[in-house]
C-alpha atoms as a PDB file:
ATOM      1  CA  UNK A   1      36.751  -3.495-123.233  1.00  0.00           C
ATOM      2  CA  UNK A   2      36.262  -2.112-126.693  1.00  0.00           C
ATOM      3  CA  UNK A   3      34.909  -4.620-129.200  1.00  0.00           C
ATOM      4  CA  UNK A   4      34.227  -8.140-127.959  1.00  0.00           C
ATOM      5  CA  UNK A   5      35.994  -7.664-124.647  1.00  0.00           C
ATOM      6  CA  UNK A   6      39.346  -8.947-123.501  1.00  0.00           C
ATOM      7  CA  UNK A   7      39.238 -11.480-126.361  1.00  0.00           C
ATOM      8  CA  UNK A   8      40.430  -8.546-128.484  1.00  0.00           C
ATOM      9  CA  UNK A   9      43.546  -8.169-126.325  1.00  0.00           C
ATOM     10  CA  UNK A  10      45.416 -11.484-125.968  1.00  0.00           C
ATOM     11  CA  UNK A  11      48.412  -9.601-124.578  1.00  0.00           C
ATOM     12  CA  UNK A  12      46.374  -8.796-121.466  1.00  0.00           C
ATOM     13  CA  UNK A  13      45.777 -12.514-120.897  1.00  0.00           C
ATOM     14  CA  UNK A  14      49.539 -13.117-121.143  1.00  0.00           C
ATOM     15  CA  UNK A  15      50.427 -10.380-118.658  1.00  0.00           C
ATOM     16  CA  UNK A  16      51.349 -11.279-115.096  1.00  0.00           C
ATOM     17  CA  UNK A  17      50.161  -7.885-113.862  1.00  0.00           C
ATOM     18  CA  UNK A  18      47.809  -5.278-115.294  1.00  0.00           C
ATOM     19  CA  UNK A  19      46.990  -1.790-114.020  1.00  0.00           C
ATOM     20  CA  UNK A  20      43.533  -0.515-114.959  1.00  0.00           C
ATOM     21  CA  UNK A  21      42.761   3.161-114.430  1.00  0.00           C
ATOM     22  CA  UNK A  22      39.958   4.242-116.725  1.00  0.00           C
ATOM     23  CA  UNK A  23      37.122   6.679-116.140  1.00  0.00           C
ATOM     24  CA  UNK A  24      34.447   4.238-117.275  1.00  0.00           C
ATOM     25  CA  UNK A  25      30.874   4.286-115.934  1.00  0.00           C
ATOM     26  CA  UNK A  26      30.878   0.495-115.476  1.00  0.00           C
ATOM     27  CA  UNK A  27      33.491  -2.268-115.267  1.00  0.00           C
ATOM     28  CA  UNK A  28      35.405  -2.905-118.482  1.00  0.00           C
ATOM     29  CA  UNK A  29      36.549  -6.387-117.445  1.00  0.00           C
ATOM     30  CA  UNK A  30      33.513  -8.561-116.852  1.00  0.00           C
ATOM     31  CA  UNK A  31      33.148 -12.089-115.539  1.00  0.00           C
ATOM     32  CA  UNK A  32      33.247 -13.639-119.053  1.00  0.00           C
ATOM     33  CA  UNK A  33      36.447 -11.705-119.834  1.00  0.00           C
ATOM     34  CA  UNK A  34      38.053 -12.895-116.605  1.00  0.00           C
ATOM     35  CA  UNK A  35      37.042 -16.514-117.250  1.00  0.00           C
ATOM     36  CA  UNK A  36      38.555 -16.265-120.740  1.00  0.00           C
ATOM     37  CA  UNK A  37      41.761 -14.849-119.242  1.00  0.00           C
ATOM     38  CA  UNK A  38      41.949 -17.719-116.741  1.00  0.00           C
ATOM     39  CA  UNK A  39      41.504 -20.285-119.490  1.00  0.00           C
ATOM     40  CA  UNK A  40      44.252 -18.644-121.580  1.00  0.00           C
ATOM     41  CA  UNK A  41      46.574 -18.666-118.558  1.00  0.00           C
ATOM     42  CA  UNK A  42      45.983 -22.320-117.662  1.00  0.00           C
ATOM     43  CA  UNK A  43      43.806 -21.415-114.682  1.00  0.00           C
ATOM     44  CA  UNK A  44      46.211 -18.978-113.018  1.00  0.00           C
ATOM     45  CA  UNK A  45      45.207 -15.492-111.982  1.00  0.00           C
ATOM     46  CA  UNK A  46      46.976 -12.347-113.152  1.00  0.00           C
ATOM     47  CA  UNK A  47      47.564  -9.596-110.614  1.00  0.00           C
ATOM     48  CA  UNK A  48      44.989  -6.940-111.451  1.00  0.00           C
ATOM     49  CA  UNK A  49      45.457  -3.502-109.915  1.00  0.00           C
ATOM     50  CA  UNK A  50      42.166  -1.673-110.344  1.00  0.00           C
ATOM     51  CA  UNK A  51      42.635   2.075-109.871  1.00  0.00           C
ATOM     52  CA  UNK A  52      39.390   3.010-111.624  1.00  0.00           C
ATOM     53  CA  UNK A  53      36.687   5.012-109.905  1.00  0.00           C
ATOM     54  CA  UNK A  54      34.239   3.355-110.137  1.00  0.00           C
ATOM     55  CA  UNK A  55      36.115   0.031-110.335  1.00  0.00           C
ATOM     56  CA  UNK A  56      37.140  -1.215-113.791  1.00  0.00           C
ATOM     57  CA  UNK A  57      37.023  -4.926-112.853  1.00  0.00           C
ATOM     58  CA  UNK A  58      33.683  -6.573-112.157  1.00  0.00           C
ATOM     59  CA  UNK A  59      33.564  -8.097-108.688  1.00  0.00           C
ATOM     60  CA  UNK A  60      33.629 -11.864-108.743  1.00  0.00           C
ATOM     61  CA  UNK A  61      33.980 -14.453-106.039  1.00  0.00           C
ATOM     62  CA  UNK A  62      37.460 -15.905-106.080  1.00  0.00           C
ATOM     63  CA  UNK A  63      38.968 -12.921-107.875  1.00  0.00           C
ATOM     64  CA  UNK A  64      40.495 -10.226-105.729  1.00  0.00           C
ATOM     65  CA  UNK A  65      41.883  -7.331-107.724  1.00  0.00           C
ATOM     66  CA  UNK A  66      43.791  -4.784-105.710  1.00  0.00           C
ATOM     67  CA  UNK A  67      41.650  -1.674-105.599  1.00  0.00           C
ATOM     68  CA  UNK A  68      42.582   1.894-104.771  1.00  0.00           C
ATOM     69  CA  UNK A  69      41.264   1.606-101.218  1.00  0.00           C
ATOM     70  CA  UNK A  70      43.392  -1.541-100.691  1.00  0.00           C
ATOM     71  CA  UNK A  71      46.520   0.331-101.742  1.00  0.00           C
ATOM     72  CA  UNK A  72      45.608   3.250 -99.463  1.00  0.00           C
ATOM     73  CA  UNK A  73      45.202   0.853 -96.522  1.00  0.00           C
ATOM     74  CA  UNK A  74      48.560  -0.796 -97.265  1.00  0.00           C
ATOM     75  CA  UNK A  75      50.255   2.607 -97.420  1.00  0.00           C
ATOM     76  CA  UNK A  76      48.704   3.661 -94.102  1.00  0.00           C
ATOM     77  CA  UNK A  77      49.808   0.416 -92.435  1.00  0.00           C
ATOM     78  CA  UNK A  78      53.338   0.984 -93.691  1.00  0.00           C
ATOM     79  CA  UNK A  79      53.347   4.585 -92.424  1.00  0.00           C
ATOM     80  CA  UNK A  80      52.265   3.374 -88.981  1.00  0.00           C
ATOM     81  CA  UNK A  81      54.979   0.704 -88.880  1.00  0.00           C
ATOM     82  CA  UNK A  82      57.624   3.243 -89.847  1.00  0.00           C
ATOM     83  CA  UNK A  83      56.384   5.678 -87.191  1.00  0.00           C
ATOM     84  CA  UNK A  84      56.609   2.958 -84.530  1.00  0.00           C
ATOM     85  CA  UNK A  85      60.136   1.883 -85.528  1.00  0.00           C
END
């Protein structure tokens, strides 16, 4: 994130869902940002949809942002189910 990280954007910590799709060379949400977000949310996780290539959210154990390849796999599964119906 620009500046000190997500601490500059309290609205992001209040969001239930966030879509990230930036052309950044490295993740813009890092572990410290995510820990801060959790603390602001009382320990709950927001739904993060990471459409960045490379990913915009730093990988962290226990945090599972939806990534582009996850959405592609879900779409393919749905197409197969519809074809079989």
